[in-house]
C-alpha atoms as a PDB file:
ATOM      1  CA  ARG A   1      72.330 -29.020 -48.576  1.00  0.00           C
ATOM      2  CA  GLN A   2      69.212 -31.300 -49.323  1.00  0.00           C
ATOM      3  CA  HIS A   3      68.525 -32.267 -52.520  1.00  0.00           C
ATOM      4  CA  THR A   4      65.237 -34.228 -52.903  1.00  0.00           C
ATOM      5  CA  ALA A   5      63.469 -35.914 -56.015  1.00  0.00           C
ATOM      6  CA  GLU A   6      60.477 -36.876 -55.871  1.00  0.00           C
ATOM      7  CA  SER A   7      59.050 -39.825 -58.340  1.00  0.00           C
ATOM      8  CA  SER A   8      57.342 -39.295 -61.179  1.00  0.00           C
ATOM      9  CA  LYS A   9      53.536 -38.762 -60.746  1.00  0.00           C
ATOM     10  CA  ARG A  10      50.834 -38.884 -63.248  1.00  0.00           C
ATOM     11  CA  ARG A  11      47.595 -37.193 -62.701  1.00  0.00           C
ATOM     12  CA  THR A  12      45.116 -39.545 -63.487  1.00  0.00           C
ATOM     13  CA  PRO A  13      41.105 -38.646 -63.850  1.00  0.00           C
ATOM     14  CA  GLY A  14      39.406 -37.628 -60.877  1.00  0.00           C
ATOM     15  CA  MET A  15      42.460 -36.679 -59.118  1.00  0.00           C
ATOM     16  CA  ALA A  16      42.641 -32.981 -57.748  1.00  0.00           C
ATOM     17  CA  ALA A  17      45.247 -30.408 -59.216  1.00  0.00           C
ATOM     18  CA  ALA A  18      46.045 -29.944 -55.605  1.00  0.00           C
ATOM     19  CA  ASP A  19      47.154 -33.401 -55.217  1.00  0.00           C
ATOM     20  CA  THR A  20      49.914 -33.220 -57.092  1.00  0.00           C
ATOM     21  CA  GLU A  21      50.862 -29.801 -57.762  1.00  0.00           C
ATOM     22  CA  PRO A  22      50.809 -26.223 -56.183  1.00  0.00           C
ATOM     23  CA  PRO A  23      48.373 -23.452 -57.074  1.00  0.00           C
ATOM     24  CA  VAL A  24      49.411 -22.202 -60.583  1.00  0.00           C
ATOM     25  CA  HIS A  25      49.830 -18.400 -59.479  1.00  0.00           C
ATOM     26  CA  GLN A  26      52.394 -18.337 -56.541  1.00  0.00           C
ATOM     27  CA  ALA A  27      54.068 -14.967 -56.080  1.00  0.00           C
ATOM     28  CA  ASN A  28      57.186 -16.862 -56.214  1.00  0.00           C
ATOM     29  CA  ARG A  29      57.084 -19.288 -59.028  1.00  0.00           C
ATOM     30  CA  VAL A  30      59.052 -18.736 -62.246  1.00  0.00           C
ATOM     31  CA  GLN A  31      57.250 -20.505 -64.833  1.00  0.00           C
ATOM     32  CA  VAL A  32      59.727 -21.302 -67.275  1.00  0.00           C
ATOM     33  CA  SER A  33      59.183 -21.480 -71.451  1.00  0.00           C
ATOM     34  CA  SER A  34      61.821 -23.281 -73.677  1.00  0.00           C
ATOM     35  CA  THR A  35      60.807 -20.745 -76.608  1.00  0.00           C
ATOM     36  CA  LYS A  36      59.352 -17.199 -75.124  1.00  0.00           C
ATOM     37  CA  LYS A  37      62.495 -15.818 -73.210  1.00  0.00           C
ATOM     38  CA  PRO A  38      66.387 -16.389 -73.438  1.00  0.00           C
ATOM     39  CA  LEU A  39      68.324 -18.284 -70.339  1.00  0.00           C
ATOM     40  CA  PHE A  40      69.063 -15.236 -68.367  1.00  0.00           C
ATOM     41  CA  PHE A  41      65.820 -13.557 -68.264  1.00  0.00           C
ATOM     42  CA  TYR A  42      64.626 -16.719 -65.850  1.00  0.00           C
ATOM     43  CA  VAL A  43      68.124 -16.456 -63.721  1.00  0.00           C
ATOM     44  CA  ASN A  44      67.487 -12.445 -63.664  1.00  0.00           C
ATOM     45  CA  LEU A  45      63.921 -13.117 -62.686  1.00  0.00           C
ATOM     46  CA  ALA A  46      64.687 -15.446 -60.167  1.00  0.00           C
ATOM     47  CA  LYS A  47      67.291 -13.372 -58.242  1.00  0.00           C
ATOM     48  CA  ARG A  48      64.334 -10.622 -58.392  1.00  0.00           C
ATOM     49  CA  PHE A  49      62.015 -13.015 -56.645  1.00  0.00           C
ATOM     50  CA  LEU A  50      64.743 -14.234 -54.180  1.00  0.00           C
ATOM     51  CA  GLN A  51      64.874 -10.597 -53.114  1.00  0.00           C
ATOM     52  CA  MET A  52      61.285 -10.576 -51.628  1.00  0.00           C
ATOM     53  CA  HIS A  53      61.268 -14.064 -50.674  1.00  0.00           C
ATOM     54  CA  GLU A  54      63.399 -16.203 -49.156  1.00  0.00           C
ATOM     55  CA  GLU A  55      62.509 -18.899 -51.744  1.00  0.00           C
ATOM     56  CA  VAL A  56      61.544 -19.587 -55.343  1.00  0.00           C
ATOM     57  CA  GLU A  57      60.404 -22.082 -57.644  1.00  0.00           C
ATOM     58  CA  LEU A  58      61.283 -22.533 -61.384  1.00  0.00           C
ATOM     59  CA  SER A  59      58.846 -24.816 -62.785  1.00  0.00           C
ATOM     60  CA  GLY A  60      59.024 -25.923 -66.398  1.00  0.00           C
ATOM     61  CA  LEU A  61      57.043 -28.416 -69.036  1.00  0.00           C
ATOM     62  CA  GLY A  62      58.298 -30.444 -71.391  1.00  0.00           C
ATOM     63  CA  LEU A  63      61.363 -28.801 -73.240  1.00  0.00           C
ATOM     64  CA  ALA A  64      61.509 -26.063 -70.554  1.00  0.00           C
ATOM     65  CA  ILE A  65      63.024 -28.716 -68.361  1.00  0.00           C
ATOM     66  CA  SER A  66      66.184 -27.982 -69.705  1.00  0.00           C
ATOM     67  CA  THR A  67      66.461 -24.449 -68.656  1.00  0.00           C
ATOM     68  CA  VAL A  68      64.684 -25.013 -65.615  1.00  0.00           C
ATOM     69  CA  VAL A  69      67.564 -26.983 -64.601  1.00  0.00           C
ATOM     70  CA  THR A  70      70.516 -24.918 -65.812  1.00  0.00           C
ATOM     71  CA  ALA A  71      69.029 -21.488 -64.228  1.00  0.00           C
ATOM     72  CA  ALA A  72      68.889 -23.363 -61.094  1.00  0.00           C
ATOM     73  CA  GLU A  73      72.581 -24.493 -61.641  1.00  0.00           C
ATOM     74  CA  ILE A  74      73.974 -21.245 -62.687  1.00  0.00           C
ATOM     75  CA  LEU A  75      72.187 -19.547 -59.481  1.00  0.00           C
ATOM     76  CA  LYS A  76      73.889 -22.115 -57.372  1.00  0.00           C
ATOM     77  CA  SER A  77      77.300 -22.076 -58.609  1.00  0.00           C
ATOM     78  CA  ASN A  78      77.183 -18.647 -58.353  1.00  0.00           C
ATOM     79  CA  GLY A  79      76.864 -19.160 -54.618  1.00  0.00           C
ATOM     80  CA  LEU A  80      73.104 -17.322 -54.890  1.00  0.00           C
ATOM     81  CA  VAL A  81      70.814 -20.415 -53.678  1.00  0.00           C
ATOM     82  CA  ILE A  82      70.825 -23.740 -52.379  1.00  0.00           C
ATOM     83  CA  ILE A  83      68.481 -26.282 -53.925  1.00  0.00           C
ATOM     84  CA  LYS A  84      66.049 -27.450 -51.449  1.00  0.00           C
ATOM     85  CA  GLN A  85      63.845 -29.989 -53.423  1.00  0.00           C
ATOM     86  CA  ILE A  86      63.343 -30.940 -56.939  1.00  0.00           C
ATOM     87  CA  ARG A  87      60.044 -32.623 -58.242  1.00  0.00           C
ATOM     88  CA  THR A  88      59.148 -34.438 -61.175  1.00  0.00           C
ATOM     89  CA  CYS A  89      55.543 -35.367 -62.662  1.00  0.00           C
ATOM     90  CA  THR A  90      53.432 -35.836 -65.622  1.00  0.00           C
ATOM     91  CA  VAL A  91      50.595 -33.735 -66.452  1.00  0.00           C
ATOM     92  CA  GLU A  92      48.086 -34.199 -68.864  1.00  0.00           C
ATOM     93  CA  MET A  93      47.138 -31.443 -71.181  1.00  0.00           C
ATOM     94  CA  ARG A  94      44.879 -30.781 -74.063  1.00  0.00           C
ATOM     95  CA  ASP A  95      46.608 -30.110 -77.434  1.00  0.00           C
ATOM     96  CA  ASP A  96      43.343 -28.428 -79.429  1.00  0.00           C
ATOM     97  CA  GLN A  97      45.469 -28.846 -82.944  1.00  0.00           C
ATOM     98  CA  GLN A  98      45.503 -32.658 -82.758  1.00  0.00           C
ATOM     99  CA  ASP A  99      42.132 -32.931 -80.711  1.00  0.00           C
ATOM    100  CA  ARG A 100      43.731 -34.822 -77.949  1.00  0.00           C
ATOM    101  CA  ASP A 101      45.201 -35.050 -74.735  1.00  0.00           C
ATOM    102  CA  VAL A 102      48.816 -35.312 -74.523  1.00  0.00           C
ATOM    103  CA  HIS A 103      50.956 -35.857 -71.255  1.00  0.00           C
ATOM    104  CA  LYS A 104      53.763 -33.730 -70.962  1.00  0.00           C
ATOM    105  CA  ALA A 105      56.856 -34.219 -68.264  1.00  0.00           C
ATOM    106  CA  LYS A 106      57.056 -31.343 -65.312  1.00  0.00           C
ATOM    107  CA  MET A 107      59.775 -30.556 -63.113  1.00  0.00           C
ATOM    108  CA  GLU A 108      59.929 -27.831 -60.321  1.00  0.00           C
ATOM    109  CA  ILE A 109      62.758 -26.729 -58.741  1.00  0.00           C
ATOM    110  CA  VAL A 110      62.611 -25.111 -55.064  1.00  0.00           C
ATOM    111  CA  LEU A 111      65.590 -23.000 -54.703  1.00  0.00           C
ATOM    112  CA  VAL A 112      66.625 -21.040 -51.325  1.00  0.00           C
ATOM    113  CA  LYS A 113      68.585 -18.043 -50.444  1.00  0.00           C
ATOM    114  CA  SER A 114      71.869 -18.743 -49.586  1.00  0.00           C
ATOM    115  CA  GLU A 115      73.417 -17.409 -46.573  1.00  0.00           C
ATOM    116  CA  ARG A 116      75.651 -14.790 -49.056  1.00  0.00           C
ATOM    117  CA  PHE A 117      72.784 -14.297 -51.362  1.00  0.00           C
ATOM    118  CA  ASP A 118      72.539 -10.668 -50.107  1.00  0.00           C
ATOM    119  CA  GLU A 119      76.030  -9.788 -50.390  1.00  0.00           C
ATOM    120  CA  LEU A 120      76.530 -11.530 -53.486  1.00  0.00           C
ATOM    121  CA  TYR A 121      73.698  -9.882 -55.353  1.00  0.00           C
ATOM    122  CA  THR A 122      74.515  -6.237 -53.932  1.00  0.00           C
ATOM    123  CA  VAL A 123      78.062  -7.037 -55.385  1.00  0.00           C
ATOM    124  CA  GLY A 124      76.494  -8.417 -58.623  1.00  0.00           C
ATOM    125  CA  MET A 125      74.556  -5.115 -59.021  1.00  0.00           C
ATOM    126  CA  ASN A 126      77.211  -2.900 -58.421  1.00  0.00           C
ATOM    127  CA  GLU A 127      79.453  -4.739 -61.049  1.00  0.00           C
ATOM    128  CA  ASP A 128      76.635  -4.516 -63.511  1.00  0.00           C
ATOM    129  CA  ASP A 129      76.262  -0.792 -62.578  1.00  0.00           C
ATOM    130  CA  ASP A 130      80.023  -0.110 -63.152  1.00  0.00           C
ATOM    131  CA  SER A 131      80.312  -1.855 -66.564  1.00  0.00           C
ATOM    132  CA  HIS A 132      77.980   0.620 -68.186  1.00  0.00           C
ATOM    133  CA  LEU A 133      80.072   3.584 -66.877  1.00  0.00           C
ATOM    134  CA  GLY A 134      82.947   3.130 -70.011  1.00  0.00           C
ATOM    135  CA  GLU A 135      79.574   3.215 -72.015  1.00  0.00           C
ATOM    136  CA  GLN A 136      78.648   7.038 -71.724  1.00  0.00           C
ATOM    137  CA  SER A 137      79.620   9.793 -73.861  1.00  0.00           C
END
């Protein structure tokens, strides 16, 4: 397993976004919010993305960082992924309510499928299907 953590980067005026982070709309990126969805929404979404891609990136700002880390750890502890890379930076955003620029911490965790992903994912899906059999009337 390879874990890498890049030091925090601050985007300065005039620095292109491409210099500090990948494009915003990647097909394999899960953008995590701390308020919009529950934790397991992001865990399950990452699993679905991993069915289509060899790797997935979990990304979160500010308070969502703890959800990013927890989701990654759940996937890792279940043997579905290996953590390939961890990136952190500080991004400058406009707070329109307070009419000023604010700095937010950002974390991105790149996960790759484990060798057993397909086997474990299929078993998990079958267990979910079986759990609903007893509920039918």
